[in-house]
Amino acid sequence: MNILVAEDSKPDQIILQEAFKEAKVDHNLYMVQDGIEVLEFLRMEGIFYDVPKPDLIILDLNMPRKTGLEVLPDIKNNPKWEHIPILIFSNSEYNGDICQCYSMGVHAYLSKPADFQGFINLAHVIDVFWSKLVRYCAH
């Protein structure tokens, strides 16, 4: 499974990568910094010219240049990408953010874990649910 992670925090990127390793979850994680890079990745532009199409996208809600909320319509309105499951990964517990994300077509809204064990648990959940249980539309 190829997972595109849009996260501007380097420490969170590293923790997420280490959690997937620790959880023995064998997926390819591709890290980008913001919504602009998400679109470049999906279009296979620039440094992303030879990347695979992601099977899952994990978007941080608040990123520089283009936020998770700003990039969502670009993904959901493109027939090439609209079927890719999107998970929002955020520290925000604001109900308005959560409701807005679901109304825009996200598949899950995940709170960032408070500790490393929480990240490991999250990696397990993503592995079991999104790669073993859920079936996708093949495009």
Protein backbone atom coordinates (compact mmCIF):
# COMPACT_ATOMS: atom_id res chain seq x y z
CA MET A 1 0.00 0.00 0.00
CA ASN A 2 1.31 3.45 -0.93
CA ILE A 3 0.39 6.13 1.59
CA LEU A 4 0.88 9.83 0.88
CA VAL A 5 1.31 11.80 4.11
CA ALA A 6 1.01 15.59 4.01
CA GLU A 7 2.52 16.85 7.25
CA ASP A 8 4.52 20.04 7.72
CA SER A 9 5.95 19.05 11.11
CA LYS A 10 9.27 17.21 10.65
CA PRO A 11 9.04 15.67 14.16
CA ASP A 12 5.55 14.31 13.38
CA GLN A 13 6.81 12.94 10.06
CA ILE A 14 9.66 11.12 11.80
CA ILE A 15 7.43 9.81 14.59
CA LEU A 16 4.91 8.53 12.06
CA GLN A 17 7.61 6.78 10.03
CA GLU A 18 9.12 5.22 13.17
CA ALA A 19 5.69 4.14 14.41
CA PHE A 20 4.99 2.30 11.15
CA LYS A 21 8.38 0.55 11.46
CA GLU A 22 7.82 -0.30 15.13
CA ALA A 23 4.34 -1.62 14.33
CA LYS A 24 5.88 -3.77 11.59
CA VAL A 25 3.45 -2.29 9.09
CA ASP A 26 4.90 -2.72 5.63
CA HIS A 27 3.55 0.18 3.62
CA ASN A 28 5.38 2.77 1.57
CA LEU A 29 5.06 6.19 3.20
CA TYR A 30 5.66 9.24 1.02
CA MET A 31 6.03 12.50 2.91
CA VAL A 32 5.20 15.97 1.62
CA GLN A 33 5.14 19.32 3.44
CA ASP A 34 1.89 20.96 2.32
CA GLY A 35 -1.09 20.94 -0.04
CA ILE A 36 0.94 22.32 -2.95
CA GLU A 37 3.26 19.31 -2.71
CA VAL A 38 0.25 16.97 -2.45
CA LEU A 39 -0.92 18.18 -5.85
CA GLU A 40 2.59 18.00 -7.32
CA PHE A 41 2.84 14.42 -6.05
CA LEU A 42 -0.54 13.45 -7.50
CA ARG A 43 0.35 15.09 -10.84
CA MET A 44 3.80 13.44 -10.72
CA GLU A 45 5.48 16.82 -11.26
CA GLY A 46 9.06 17.89 -10.52
CA ILE A 47 10.80 15.73 -7.93
CA PHE A 48 7.70 13.51 -7.84
CA TYR A 49 7.97 12.45 -11.51
CA ASP A 50 8.30 8.71 -10.73
CA VAL A 51 6.10 8.22 -7.66
CA PRO A 52 3.23 5.74 -7.54
CA LYS A 53 -0.39 6.79 -7.25
CA PRO A 54 -1.25 6.70 -3.54
CA ASP A 55 -3.76 4.18 -2.20
CA LEU A 56 -4.45 6.41 0.80
CA ILE A 57 -3.82 10.07 1.63
CA ILE A 58 -3.26 11.34 5.17
CA LEU A 59 -3.63 15.13 5.33
CA ASP A 60 -2.66 17.42 8.15
CA LEU A 61 -5.41 19.99 8.54
CA ASN A 62 -3.19 23.04 9.11
CA MET A 63 -0.23 23.31 6.75
CA PRO A 64 1.55 26.28 5.18
CA ARG A 65 0.97 27.42 1.60
CA LYS A 66 -2.14 25.25 1.07
CA THR A 67 -3.99 23.64 3.98
CA GLY A 68 -5.70 20.28 4.11
CA LEU A 69 -9.07 21.97 3.71
CA GLU A 70 -7.85 23.93 0.70
CA VAL A 71 -6.44 20.88 -1.10
CA LEU A 72 -9.46 18.64 -0.45
CA PRO A 73 -11.63 20.09 -3.26
CA ASP A 74 -8.72 19.78 -5.71
CA ILE A 75 -8.52 16.07 -4.95
CA LYS A 76 -12.24 15.35 -4.70
CA ASN A 77 -13.10 17.23 -7.91
CA ASN A 78 -10.55 15.37 -10.02
CA PRO A 79 -11.81 12.07 -11.52
CA LYS A 80 -8.27 10.62 -11.36
CA TRP A 81 -8.05 11.10 -7.59
CA GLU A 82 -11.61 11.39 -6.24
CA HIS A 83 -11.74 7.73 -5.20
CA ILE A 84 -8.54 7.85 -3.09
CA PRO A 85 -9.48 7.60 0.61
CA ILE A 86 -8.46 10.65 2.60
CA LEU A 87 -7.80 10.74 6.33
CA ILE A 88 -7.43 14.05 8.14
CA PHE A 89 -4.70 13.97 10.79
CA SER A 90 -4.97 16.93 13.16
CA ASN A 91 -4.54 18.33 16.66
CA SER A 92 -7.79 20.23 16.25
CA GLU A 93 -10.70 18.92 18.28
CA TYR A 94 -12.94 21.77 17.08
CA ASN A 95 -16.27 20.26 16.00
CA GLY A 96 -16.57 22.79 13.18
CA ASP A 97 -13.32 21.51 11.63
CA ILE A 98 -14.43 17.89 12.01
CA CYS A 99 -17.86 18.49 10.48
CA GLN A 100 -16.44 20.56 7.63
CA CYS A 101 -13.95 17.82 6.75
CA TYR A 102 -16.64 15.14 6.63
CA SER A 103 -18.90 17.38 4.55
CA MET A 104 -16.02 17.78 2.08
CA GLY A 105 -15.67 14.03 1.62
CA VAL A 106 -12.95 12.84 4.00
CA HIS A 107 -13.21 9.22 5.05
CA ALA A 108 -11.96 9.68 8.63
CA TYR A 109 -10.84 12.43 10.97
CA LEU A 110 -8.01 11.26 13.24
CA SER A 111 -6.66 13.09 16.26
CA LYS A 112 -2.89 13.14 16.47
CA PRO A 113 -1.81 10.81 19.26
CA ALA A 114 -0.30 12.26 22.43
CA ASP A 115 2.57 9.76 22.62
CA PHE A 116 4.63 7.32 20.57
CA GLN A 117 2.51 4.31 21.58
CA GLY A 118 -0.51 6.16 20.24
CA PHE A 119 1.26 6.57 16.89
CA ILE A 120 2.06 2.83 16.86
CA ASN A 121 -1.60 2.04 17.59
CA LEU A 122 -2.63 4.39 14.79
CA ALA A 123 -0.28 2.60 12.37
CA HIS A 124 -1.90 -0.73 13.33
CA VAL A 125 -5.40 0.66 12.82
CA ILE A 126 -4.50 2.08 9.42
CA ASP A 127 -2.91 -1.22 8.44
CA VAL A 128 -5.78 -3.44 9.54
CA PHE A 129 -8.68 -1.24 8.49
CA TRP A 130 -7.43 0.48 5.34
CA SER A 131 -5.32 -2.30 3.83
CA LYS A 132 -6.98 -5.50 5.03
CA LEU A 133 -10.67 -4.79 5.55
CA VAL A 134 -11.66 -1.97 3.18
CA ARG A 135 -12.13 -2.68 -0.52
CA TYR A 136 -11.48 0.05 -3.06
CA CYS A 137 -12.75 1.02 -6.44
CA ALA A 138 -9.95 0.19 -8.90
CA HIS A 139 -9.19 3.15 -11.19
